[in-house]
Amino acid sequence: MPKKQSYMNKENVLSEGLLDKIIRSIIPKSIQKTVTKKAVTNMKKENQKLETEISDIQSKIQKLEQRKKASSERLHKAIEKQYGVKIKQKTTQQAIKDFYGE
């Protein structure tokens, strides 16, 4: 039978209720400040990494949207060339939205 995994690591234990109060009363203020400064810098680094990931994903989305637009224009030109019928861009976008439910 597998053991249950504990989600209490040292960062969580130090930041939880009763233990937090006990430890804060025992540990000097200067050490508390250095620990909180480290935690703040770690959080800032993590936030910065996440922000860069978000910006990378947003740039990929923009590139994909540009590719979608270009391929849609090529499709319209090919249909017009082959069948001699001009299709409005708005109607095909509406058809795609209706089909996919976006």
PDB file of N, CA and C in Angstrom:
ATOM      1  N   MET A   1       0.851  -1.181   0.000  1.00  0.00           N
ATOM      2  CA  MET A   1       0.000   0.000   0.000  1.00  0.00           C
ATOM      3  C   MET A   1       0.896   1.242   0.000  1.00  0.00           C
ATOM      4  N   PRO A   2       0.722   2.123  -0.969  1.00  0.00           N
ATOM      5  CA  PRO A   2       1.597   3.303  -1.041  1.00  0.00           C
ATOM      6  C   PRO A   2       1.292   4.299   0.075  1.00  0.00           C
ATOM      7  N   LYS A   3       2.358   4.992   0.464  1.00  0.00           N
ATOM      8  CA  LYS A   3       2.200   6.033   1.484  1.00  0.00           C
ATOM      9  C   LYS A   3       1.551   7.261   0.866  1.00  0.00           C
ATOM     10  N   LYS A   4       0.839   8.007   1.681  1.00  0.00           N
ATOM     11  CA  LYS A   4       0.296   9.274   1.201  1.00  0.00           C
ATOM     12  C   LYS A   4       1.438  10.276   1.116  1.00  0.00           C
ATOM     13  N   GLN A   5       1.401  11.062   0.076  1.00  0.00           N
ATOM     14  CA  GLN A   5       2.449  12.052  -0.118  1.00  0.00           C
ATOM     15  C   GLN A   5       2.141  13.288   0.726  1.00  0.00           C
ATOM     16  N   SER A   6       3.141  13.723   1.463  1.00  0.00           N
ATOM     17  CA  SER A   6       2.979  14.923   2.278  1.00  0.00           C
ATOM     18  C   SER A   6       3.337  16.141   1.438  1.00  0.00           C
ATOM     19  N   TYR A   7       2.498  17.137   1.488  1.00  0.00           N
ATOM     20  CA  TYR A   7       2.744  18.367   0.740  1.00  0.00           C
ATOM     21  C   TYR A   7       3.369  19.443   1.619  1.00  0.00           C
ATOM     22  N   MET A   8       3.813  19.046   2.776  1.00  0.00           N
ATOM     23  CA  MET A   8       4.397  20.014   3.695  1.00  0.00           C
ATOM     24  C   MET A   8       5.916  19.961   3.563  1.00  0.00           C
ATOM     25  N   ASN A   9       6.482  20.826   2.759  1.00  0.00           N
ATOM     26  CA  ASN A   9       7.926  20.938   2.706  1.00  0.00           C
ATOM     27  C   ASN A   9       8.344  22.056   3.651  1.00  0.00           C
ATOM     28  N   LYS A  10       9.650  22.329   3.724  1.00  0.00           N
ATOM     29  CA  LYS A  10      10.099  23.287   4.741  1.00  0.00           C
ATOM     30  C   LYS A  10       9.535  24.684   4.526  1.00  0.00           C
ATOM     31  N   GLU A  11       9.286  25.091   3.258  1.00  0.00           N
ATOM     32  CA  GLU A  11       8.712  26.424   3.045  1.00  0.00           C
ATOM     33  C   GLU A  11       7.264  26.480   3.550  1.00  0.00           C
ATOM     34  N   ASN A  12       6.510  25.410   3.301  1.00  0.00           N
ATOM     35  CA  ASN A  12       5.115  25.391   3.731  1.00  0.00           C
ATOM     36  C   ASN A  12       4.992  25.307   5.245  1.00  0.00           C
ATOM     37  N   VAL A  13       5.870  24.512   5.884  1.00  0.00           N
ATOM     38  CA  VAL A  13       5.807  24.357   7.336  1.00  0.00           C
ATOM     39  C   VAL A  13       6.094  25.690   8.015  1.00  0.00           C
ATOM     40  N   LEU A  14       7.074  26.425   7.490  1.00  0.00           N
ATOM     41  CA  LEU A  14       7.429  27.703   8.105  1.00  0.00           C
ATOM     42  C   LEU A  14       6.359  28.767   7.899  1.00  0.00           C
ATOM     43  N   SER A  15       5.550  28.614   6.893  1.00  0.00           N
ATOM     44  CA  SER A  15       4.557  29.643   6.631  1.00  0.00           C
ATOM     45  C   SER A  15       3.165  29.271   7.144  1.00  0.00           C
ATOM     46  N   GLU A  16       3.014  28.156   7.812  1.00  0.00           N
ATOM     47  CA  GLU A  16       1.706  27.731   8.305  1.00  0.00           C
ATOM     48  C   GLU A  16       1.506  28.177   9.747  1.00  0.00           C
ATOM     49  N   GLY A  17       0.285  28.459  10.117  1.00  0.00           N
ATOM     50  CA  GLY A  17      -0.243  28.923  11.395  1.00  0.00           C
ATOM     51  C   GLY A  17       0.575  28.809  12.659  1.00  0.00           C
ATOM     52  N   LEU A  18       0.398  27.751  13.433  1.00  0.00           N
ATOM     53  CA  LEU A  18       0.979  27.631  14.767  1.00  0.00           C
ATOM     54  C   LEU A  18       2.493  27.584  14.711  1.00  0.00           C
ATOM     55  N   LEU A  19       3.035  26.795  13.826  1.00  0.00           N
ATOM     56  CA  LEU A  19       4.487  26.719  13.720  1.00  0.00           C
ATOM     57  C   LEU A  19       5.079  28.073  13.355  1.00  0.00           C
ATOM     58  N   ASP A  20       4.386  28.796  12.541  1.00  0.00           N
ATOM     59  CA  ASP A  20       4.845  30.122  12.150  1.00  0.00           C
ATOM     60  C   ASP A  20       4.955  31.023  13.376  1.00  0.00           C
ATOM     61  N   LYS A  21       3.945  31.004  14.211  1.00  0.00           N
ATOM     62  CA  LYS A  21       3.955  31.842  15.420  1.00  0.00           C
ATOM     63  C   LYS A  21       5.059  31.424  16.381  1.00  0.00           C
ATOM     64  N   ILE A  22       5.228  30.117  16.553  1.00  0.00           N
ATOM     65  CA  ILE A  22       6.259  29.624  17.471  1.00  0.00           C
ATOM     66  C   ILE A  22       7.649  29.977  16.957  1.00  0.00           C
ATOM     67  N   ILE A  23       7.868  29.734  15.708  1.00  0.00           N
ATOM     68  CA  ILE A  23       9.190  30.005  15.141  1.00  0.00           C
ATOM     69  C   ILE A  23       9.488  31.497  15.142  1.00  0.00           C
ATOM     70  N   ARG A  24       8.498  32.306  14.844  1.00  0.00           N
ATOM     71  CA  ARG A  24       8.727  33.760  14.847  1.00  0.00           C
ATOM     72  C   ARG A  24       9.040  34.284  16.246  1.00  0.00           C
ATOM     73  N   SER A  25       8.497  33.641  17.283  1.00  0.00           N
ATOM     74  CA  SER A  25       8.805  34.093  18.640  1.00  0.00           C
ATOM     75  C   SER A  25      10.201  33.652  19.069  1.00  0.00           C
ATOM     76  N   ILE A  26      10.729  32.579  18.484  1.00  0.00           N
ATOM     77  CA  ILE A  26      12.042  32.058  18.875  1.00  0.00           C
ATOM     78  C   ILE A  26      13.161  32.693  18.051  1.00  0.00           C
ATOM     79  N   ILE A  27      12.973  32.823  16.770  1.00  0.00           N
ATOM     80  CA  ILE A  27      14.026  33.304  15.874  1.00  0.00           C
ATOM     81  C   ILE A  27      14.130  34.829  15.944  1.00  0.00           C
ATOM     82  N   PRO A  28      15.357  35.345  15.988  1.00  0.00           N
ATOM     83  CA  PRO A  28      15.541  36.802  16.021  1.00  0.00           C
ATOM     84  C   PRO A  28      15.021  37.475  14.747  1.00  0.00           C
ATOM     85  N   LYS A  29      14.660  38.737  14.919  1.00  0.00           N
ATOM     86  CA  LYS A  29      14.094  39.512  13.803  1.00  0.00           C
ATOM     87  C   LYS A  29      15.046  39.621  12.615  1.00  0.00           C
ATOM     88  N   SER A  30      16.342  39.740  12.861  1.00  0.00           N
ATOM     89  CA  SER A  30      17.300  39.891  11.766  1.00  0.00           C
ATOM     90  C   SER A  30      17.302  38.655  10.867  1.00  0.00           C
ATOM     91  N   ILE A  31      17.216  37.483  11.454  1.00  0.00           N
ATOM     92  CA  ILE A  31      17.174  36.251  10.662  1.00  0.00           C
ATOM     93  C   ILE A  31      15.849  36.167   9.913  1.00  0.00           C
ATOM     94  N   GLN A  32      14.767  36.567  10.558  1.00  0.00           N
ATOM     95  CA  GLN A  32      13.455  36.560   9.906  1.00  0.00           C
ATOM     96  C   GLN A  32      13.472  37.435   8.664  1.00  0.00           C
ATOM     97  N   LYS A  33      14.119  38.608   8.777  1.00  0.00           N
ATOM     98  CA  LYS A  33      14.177  39.521   7.637  1.00  0.00           C
ATOM     99  C   LYS A  33      14.962  38.917   6.478  1.00  0.00           C
ATOM    100  N   THR A  34      16.087  38.251   6.775  1.00  0.00           N
ATOM    101  CA  THR A  34      16.870  37.651   5.695  1.00  0.00           C
ATOM    102  C   THR A  34      16.103  36.510   5.027  1.00  0.00           C
ATOM    103  N   VAL A  35      15.368  35.749   5.815  1.00  0.00           N
ATOM    104  CA  VAL A  35      14.588  34.649   5.254  1.00  0.00           C
ATOM    105  C   VAL A  35      13.475  35.197   4.373  1.00  0.00           C
ATOM    106  N   THR A  36      12.809  36.251   4.836  1.00  0.00           N
ATOM    107  CA  THR A  36      11.738  36.816   4.025  1.00  0.00           C
ATOM    108  C   THR A  36      12.292  37.493   2.775  1.00  0.00           C
ATOM    109  N   LYS A  37      13.469  38.103   2.857  1.00  0.00           N
ATOM    110  CA  LYS A  37      14.081  38.704   1.670  1.00  0.00           C
ATOM    111  C   LYS A  37      14.398  37.638   0.633  1.00  0.00           C
ATOM    112  N   LYS A  38      14.927  36.481   1.095  1.00  0.00           N
ATOM    113  CA  LYS A  38      15.207  35.383   0.173  1.00  0.00           C
ATOM    114  C   LYS A  38      13.927  34.894  -0.488  1.00  0.00           C
ATOM    115  N   ALA A  39      12.879  34.768   0.304  1.00  0.00           N
ATOM    116  CA  ALA A  39      11.605  34.300  -0.239  1.00  0.00           C
ATOM    117  C   ALA A  39      11.073  35.288  -1.278  1.00  0.00           C
ATOM    118  N   VAL A  40      11.197  36.560  -0.994  1.00  0.00           N
ATOM    119  CA  VAL A  40      10.714  37.586  -1.926  1.00  0.00           C
ATOM    120  C   VAL A  40      11.511  37.547  -3.226  1.00  0.00           C
ATOM    121  N   THR A  41      12.831  37.417  -3.130  1.00  0.00           N
ATOM    122  CA  THR A  41      13.642  37.362  -4.347  1.00  0.00           C
ATOM    123  C   THR A  41      13.325  36.102  -5.157  1.00  0.00           C
ATOM    124  N   ASN A  42      13.116  34.989  -4.473  1.00  0.00           N
ATOM    125  CA  ASN A  42      12.752  33.756  -5.184  1.00  0.00           C
ATOM    126  C   ASN A  42      11.407  33.910  -5.883  1.00  0.00           C
ATOM    127  N   MET A  43      10.460  34.535  -5.230  1.00  0.00           N
ATOM    128  CA  MET A  43       9.143  34.752  -5.832  1.00  0.00           C
ATOM    129  C   MET A  43       9.262  35.687  -7.032  1.00  0.00           C
ATOM    130  N   LYS A  44      10.083  36.726  -6.922  1.00  0.00           N
ATOM    131  CA  LYS A  44      10.268  37.650  -8.039  1.00  0.00           C
ATOM    132  C   LYS A  44      10.884  36.943  -9.240  1.00  0.00           C
ATOM    133  N   LYS A  45      11.881  36.085  -8.982  1.00  0.00           N
ATOM    134  CA  LYS A  45      12.500  35.331 -10.070  1.00  0.00           C
ATOM    135  C   LYS A  45      11.482  34.417 -10.728  1.00  0.00           C
ATOM    136  N   GLU A  46      10.679  33.750  -9.925  1.00  0.00           N
ATOM    137  CA  GLU A  46       9.666  32.856 -10.472  1.00  0.00           C
ATOM    138  C   GLU A  46       8.633  33.629 -11.292  1.00  0.00           C
ATOM    139  N   ASN A  47       8.209  34.783 -10.771  1.00  0.00           N
ATOM    140  CA  ASN A  47       7.262  35.625 -11.516  1.00  0.00           C
ATOM    141  C   ASN A  47       7.855  36.089 -12.838  1.00  0.00           C
ATOM    142  N   GLN A  48       9.126  36.447 -12.826  1.00  0.00           N
ATOM    143  CA  GLN A  48       9.775  36.905 -14.049  1.00  0.00           C
ATOM    144  C   GLN A  48       9.839  35.778 -15.077  1.00  0.00           C
ATOM    145  N   LYS A  49      10.145  34.555 -14.632  1.00  0.00           N
ATOM    146  CA  LYS A  49      10.175  33.408 -15.546  1.00  0.00           C
ATOM    147  C   LYS A  49       8.795  33.180 -16.151  1.00  0.00           C
ATOM    148  N   LEU A  50       7.771  33.257 -15.314  1.00  0.00           N
ATOM    149  CA  LEU A  50       6.411  33.050 -15.802  1.00  0.00           C
ATOM    150  C   LEU A  50       6.001  34.133 -16.784  1.00  0.00           C
ATOM    151  N   GLU A  51       6.401  35.373 -16.528  1.00  0.00           N
ATOM    152  CA  GLU A  51       6.078  36.471 -17.439  1.00  0.00           C
ATOM    153  C   GLU A  51       6.759  36.272 -18.796  1.00  0.00           C
ATOM    154  N   THR A  52       8.004  35.795 -18.793  1.00  0.00           N
ATOM    155  CA  THR A  52       8.673  35.538 -20.068  1.00  0.00           C
ATOM    156  C   THR A  52       7.995  34.395 -20.818  1.00  0.00           C
ATOM    157  N   GLU A  53       7.552  33.366 -20.086  1.00  0.00           N
ATOM    158  CA  GLU A  53       6.831  32.271 -20.734  1.00  0.00           C
ATOM    159  C   GLU A  53       5.530  32.777 -21.360  1.00  0.00           C
ATOM    160  N   ILE A  54       4.834  33.643 -20.631  1.00  0.00           N
ATOM    161  CA  ILE A  54       3.580  34.201 -21.143  1.00  0.00           C
ATOM    162  C   ILE A  54       3.844  35.018 -22.399  1.00  0.00           C
ATOM    163  N   SER A  55       4.880  35.841 -22.384  1.00  0.00           N
ATOM    164  CA  SER A  55       5.169  36.663 -23.569  1.00  0.00           C
ATOM    165  C   SER A  55       5.577  35.786 -24.750  1.00  0.00           C
ATOM    166  N   ASP A  56       6.313  34.695 -24.486  1.00  0.00           N
ATOM    167  CA  ASP A  56       6.670  33.766 -25.567  1.00  0.00           C
ATOM    168  C   ASP A  56       5.427  33.119 -26.165  1.00  0.00           C
ATOM    169  N   ILE A  57       4.523  32.710 -25.314  1.00  0.00           N
ATOM    170  CA  ILE A  57       3.284  32.082 -25.782  1.00  0.00           C
ATOM    171  C   ILE A  57       2.444  33.072 -26.573  1.00  0.00           C
ATOM    172  N   GLN A  58       2.378  34.315 -26.100  1.00  0.00           N
ATOM    173  CA  GLN A  58       1.610  35.335 -26.826  1.00  0.00           C
ATOM    174  C   GLN A  58       2.212  35.604 -28.205  1.00  0.00           C
ATOM    175  N   SER A  59       3.539  35.615 -28.291  1.00  0.00           N
ATOM    176  CA  SER A  59       4.161  35.837 -29.602  1.00  0.00           C
ATOM    177  C   SER A  59       3.893  34.648 -30.528  1.00  0.00           C
ATOM    178  N   LYS A  60       3.885  33.438 -29.990  1.00  0.00           N
ATOM    179  CA  LYS A  60       3.558  32.265 -30.808  1.00  0.00           C
ATOM    180  C   LYS A  60       2.119  32.334 -31.299  1.00  0.00           C
ATOM    181  N   ILE A  61       1.224  32.789 -30.440  1.00  0.00           N
ATOM    182  CA  ILE A  61      -0.183  32.933 -30.831  1.00  0.00           C
ATOM    183  C   ILE A  61      -0.316  33.938 -31.966  1.00  0.00           C
ATOM    184  N   GLN A  62       0.388  35.061 -31.871  1.00  0.00           N
ATOM    185  CA  GLN A  62       0.334  36.068 -32.924  1.00  0.00           C
ATOM    186  C   GLN A  62       0.867  35.518 -34.249  1.00  0.00           C
ATOM    187  N   LYS A  63       1.954  34.755 -34.186  1.00  0.00           N
ATOM    188  CA  LYS A  63       2.498  34.159 -35.406  1.00  0.00           C
ATOM    189  C   LYS A  63       1.504  33.188 -36.024  1.00  0.00           C
ATOM    190  N   LEU A  64       0.855  32.376 -35.180  1.00  0.00           N
ATOM    191  CA  LEU A  64      -0.128  31.427 -35.693  1.00  0.00           C
ATOM    192  C   LEU A  64      -1.324  32.139 -36.310  1.00  0.00           C
ATOM    193  N   GLU A  65      -1.757  33.241 -35.698  1.00  0.00           N
ATOM    194  CA  GLU A  65      -2.863  34.008 -36.265  1.00  0.00           C
ATOM    195  C   GLU A  65      -2.479  34.594 -37.622  1.00  0.00           C
ATOM    196  N   GLN A  66      -1.246  35.066 -37.744  1.00  0.00           N
ATOM    197  CA  GLN A  66      -0.779  35.591 -39.027  1.00  0.00           C
ATOM    198  C   GLN A  66      -0.740  34.492 -40.081  1.00  0.00           C
ATOM    199  N   ARG A  67      -0.265  33.298 -39.691  1.00  0.00           N
ATOM    200  CA  ARG A  67      -0.240  32.173 -40.629  1.00  0.00           C
ATOM    201  C   ARG A  67      -1.652  31.776 -41.044  1.00  0.00           C
ATOM    202  N   LYS A  68      -2.583  31.825 -40.079  1.00  0.00           N
ATOM    203  CA  LYS A  68      -3.979  31.485 -40.376  1.00  0.00           C
ATOM    204  C   LYS A  68      -4.561  32.472 -41.379  1.00  0.00           C
ATOM    205  N   LYS A  69      -4.272  33.747 -41.173  1.00  0.00           N
ATOM    206  CA  LYS A  69      -4.784  34.766 -42.076  1.00  0.00           C
ATOM    207  C   LYS A  69      -4.201  34.602 -43.477  1.00  0.00           C
ATOM    208  N   ALA A  70      -2.905  34.342 -43.556  1.00  0.00           N
ATOM    209  CA  ALA A  70      -2.254  34.167 -44.850  1.00  0.00           C
ATOM    210  C   ALA A  70      -2.798  32.937 -45.575  1.00  0.00           C
ATOM    211  N   SER A  71      -2.983  31.846 -44.853  1.00  0.00           N
ATOM    212  CA  SER A  71      -3.501  30.635 -45.502  1.00  0.00           C
ATOM    213  C   SER A  71      -4.957  30.828 -45.932  1.00  0.00           C
ATOM    214  N   SER A  72      -5.711  31.591 -45.168  1.00  0.00           N
ATOM    215  CA  SER A  72      -7.092  31.884 -45.555  1.00  0.00           C
ATOM    216  C   SER A  72      -7.133  32.696 -46.840  1.00  0.00           C
ATOM    217  N   GLU A  73      -6.234  33.674 -46.943  1.00  0.00           N
ATOM    218  CA  GLU A  73      -6.170  34.481 -48.162  1.00  0.00           C
ATOM    219  C   GLU A  73      -5.754  33.639 -49.364  1.00  0.00           C
ATOM    220  N   ARG A  74      -4.798  32.735 -49.161  1.00  0.00           N
ATOM    221  CA  ARG A  74      -4.393  31.844 -50.253  1.00  0.00           C
ATOM    222  C   ARG A  74      -5.542  30.948 -50.697  1.00  0.00           C
ATOM    223  N   LEU A  75      -6.314  30.450 -49.714  1.00  0.00           N
ATOM    224  CA  LEU A  75      -7.462  29.605 -50.031  1.00  0.00           C
ATOM    225  C   LEU A  75      -8.481  30.377 -50.862  1.00  0.00           C
ATOM    226  N   HIS A  76      -8.768  31.610 -50.474  1.00  0.00           N
ATOM    227  CA  HIS A  76      -9.724  32.441 -51.219  1.00  0.00           C
ATOM    228  C   HIS A  76      -9.235  32.696 -52.643  1.00  0.00           C
ATOM    229  N   LYS A  77      -7.954  32.984 -52.780  1.00  0.00           N
ATOM    230  CA  LYS A  77      -7.409  33.224 -54.116  1.00  0.00           C
ATOM    231  C   LYS A  77      -7.475  31.962 -54.969  1.00  0.00           C
ATOM    232  N   ALA A  78      -7.193  30.809 -54.367  1.00  0.00           N
ATOM    233  CA  ALA A  78      -7.239  29.556 -55.117  1.00  0.00           C
ATOM    234  C   ALA A  78      -8.664  29.229 -55.556  1.00  0.00           C
ATOM    235  N   ILE A  79      -9.637  29.450 -54.671  1.00  0.00           N
ATOM    236  CA  ILE A  79     -11.043  29.196 -55.018  1.00  0.00           C
ATOM    237  C   ILE A  79     -11.490  30.146 -56.122  1.00  0.00           C
ATOM    238  N   GLU A  80     -11.099  31.407 -55.992  1.00  0.00           N
ATOM    239  CA  GLU A  80     -11.476  32.397 -57.009  1.00  0.00           C
ATOM    240  C   GLU A  80     -10.851  32.048 -58.357  1.00  0.00           C
ATOM    241  N   LYS A  81      -9.590  31.613 -58.331  1.00  0.00           N
ATOM    242  CA  LYS A  81      -8.908  31.274 -59.564  1.00  0.00           C
ATOM    243  C   LYS A  81      -9.514  30.024 -60.210  1.00  0.00           C
ATOM    244  N   GLN A  82      -9.829  29.023 -59.387  1.00  0.00           N
ATOM    245  CA  GLN A  82     -10.322  27.766 -59.928  1.00  0.00           C
ATOM    246  C   GLN A  82     -11.769  27.856 -60.392  1.00  0.00           C
ATOM    247  N   TYR A  83     -12.617  28.485 -59.593  1.00  0.00           N
ATOM    248  CA  TYR A  83     -14.047  28.497 -59.902  1.00  0.00           C
ATOM    249  C   TYR A  83     -14.555  29.824 -60.442  1.00  0.00           C
ATOM    250  N   GLY A  84     -13.778  30.855 -60.334  1.00  0.00           N
ATOM    251  CA  GLY A  84     -14.196  32.152 -60.839  1.00  0.00           C
ATOM    252  C   GLY A  84     -15.246  32.819 -59.958  1.00  0.00           C
ATOM    253  N   VAL A  85     -15.377  32.362 -58.724  1.00  0.00           N
ATOM    254  CA  VAL A  85     -16.358  32.918 -57.791  1.00  0.00           C
ATOM    255  C   VAL A  85     -15.609  33.611 -56.661  1.00  0.00           C
ATOM    256  N   LYS A  86     -16.009  34.832 -56.399  1.00  0.00           N
ATOM    257  CA  LYS A  86     -15.373  35.582 -55.334  1.00  0.00           C
ATOM    258  C   LYS A  86     -16.150  35.342 -54.029  1.00  0.00           C
ATOM    259  N   ILE A  87     -15.434  34.964 -52.990  1.00  0.00           N
ATOM    260  CA  ILE A  87     -16.056  34.699 -51.687  1.00  0.00           C
ATOM    261  C   ILE A  87     -15.665  35.827 -50.739  1.00  0.00           C
ATOM    262  N   LYS A  88     -16.634  36.299 -49.991  1.00  0.00           N
ATOM    263  CA  LYS A  88     -16.346  37.344 -49.014  1.00  0.00           C
ATOM    264  C   LYS A  88     -15.613  36.729 -47.818  1.00  0.00           C
ATOM    265  N   GLN A  89     -14.630  37.441 -47.339  1.00  0.00           N
ATOM    266  CA  GLN A  89     -13.831  36.977 -46.201  1.00  0.00           C
ATOM    267  C   GLN A  89     -14.693  36.846 -44.950  1.00  0.00           C
ATOM    268  N   LYS A  90     -15.605  37.763 -44.769  1.00  0.00           N
ATOM    269  CA  LYS A  90     -16.422  37.780 -43.564  1.00  0.00           C
ATOM    270  C   LYS A  90     -17.314  36.538 -43.486  1.00  0.00           C
ATOM    271  N   THR A  91     -17.828  36.098 -44.592  1.00  0.00           N
ATOM    272  CA  THR A  91     -18.719  34.940 -44.556  1.00  0.00           C
ATOM    273  C   THR A  91     -17.971  33.674 -44.184  1.00  0.00           C
ATOM    274  N   THR A  92     -16.737  33.516 -44.650  1.00  0.00           N
ATOM    275  CA  THR A  92     -15.991  32.306 -44.291  1.00  0.00           C
ATOM    276  C   THR A  92     -15.581  32.326 -42.830  1.00  0.00           C
ATOM    277  N   GLN A  93     -15.204  33.478 -42.321  1.00  0.00           N
ATOM    278  CA  GLN A  93     -14.873  33.570 -40.902  1.00  0.00           C
ATOM    279  C   GLN A  93     -16.092  33.258 -40.049  1.00  0.00           C
ATOM    280  N   GLN A  94     -17.245  33.734 -40.468  1.00  0.00           N
ATOM    281  CA  GLN A  94     -18.471  33.440 -39.734  1.00  0.00           C
ATOM    282  C   GLN A  94     -18.789  31.951 -39.807  1.00  0.00           C
ATOM    283  N   ALA A  95     -18.556  31.330 -40.967  1.00  0.00           N
ATOM    284  CA  ALA A  95     -18.791  29.897 -41.119  1.00  0.00           C
ATOM    285  C   ALA A  95     -17.865  29.091 -40.216  1.00  0.00           C
ATOM    286  N   ILE A  96     -16.625  29.521 -40.103  1.00  0.00           N
ATOM    287  CA  ILE A  96     -15.673  28.833 -39.219  1.00  0.00           C
ATOM    288  C   ILE A  96     -16.112  28.973 -37.767  1.00  0.00           C
ATOM    289  N   LYS A  97     -16.540  30.164 -37.387  1.00  0.00           N
ATOM    290  CA  LYS A  97     -17.013  30.362 -36.016  1.00  0.00           C
ATOM    291  C   LYS A  97     -18.232  29.520 -35.722  1.00  0.00           C
ATOM    292  N   ASP A  98     -19.141  29.451 -36.692  1.00  0.00           N
ATOM    293  CA  ASP A  98     -20.337  28.636 -36.499  1.00  0.00           C
ATOM    294  C   ASP A  98     -19.981  27.152 -36.390  1.00  0.00           C
ATOM    295  N   PHE A  99     -19.037  26.714 -37.207  1.00  0.00           N
ATOM    296  CA  PHE A  99     -18.672  25.311 -37.226  1.00  0.00           C
ATOM    297  C   PHE A  99     -17.963  24.897 -35.944  1.00  0.00           C
ATOM    298  N   TYR A 100     -16.997  25.695 -35.510  1.00  0.00           N
ATOM    299  CA  TYR A 100     -16.205  25.354 -34.328  1.00  0.00           C
ATOM    300  C   TYR A 100     -16.804  25.897 -33.040  1.00  0.00           C
ATOM    301  N   GLY A 101     -17.774  26.753 -33.116  1.00  0.00           N
ATOM    302  CA  GLY A 101     -18.409  27.298 -31.910  1.00  0.00           C
ATOM    303  C   GLY A 101     -17.564  28.289 -31.172  1.00  0.00           C
ATOM    304  N   GLU A 102     -16.787  29.049 -31.862  1.00  0.00           N
ATOM    305  CA  GLU A 102     -15.946  30.047 -31.197  1.00  0.00           C
ATOM    306  C   GLU A 102     -16.651  31.363 -31.079  1.00  0.00           C
TER     307      GLU A 102
END
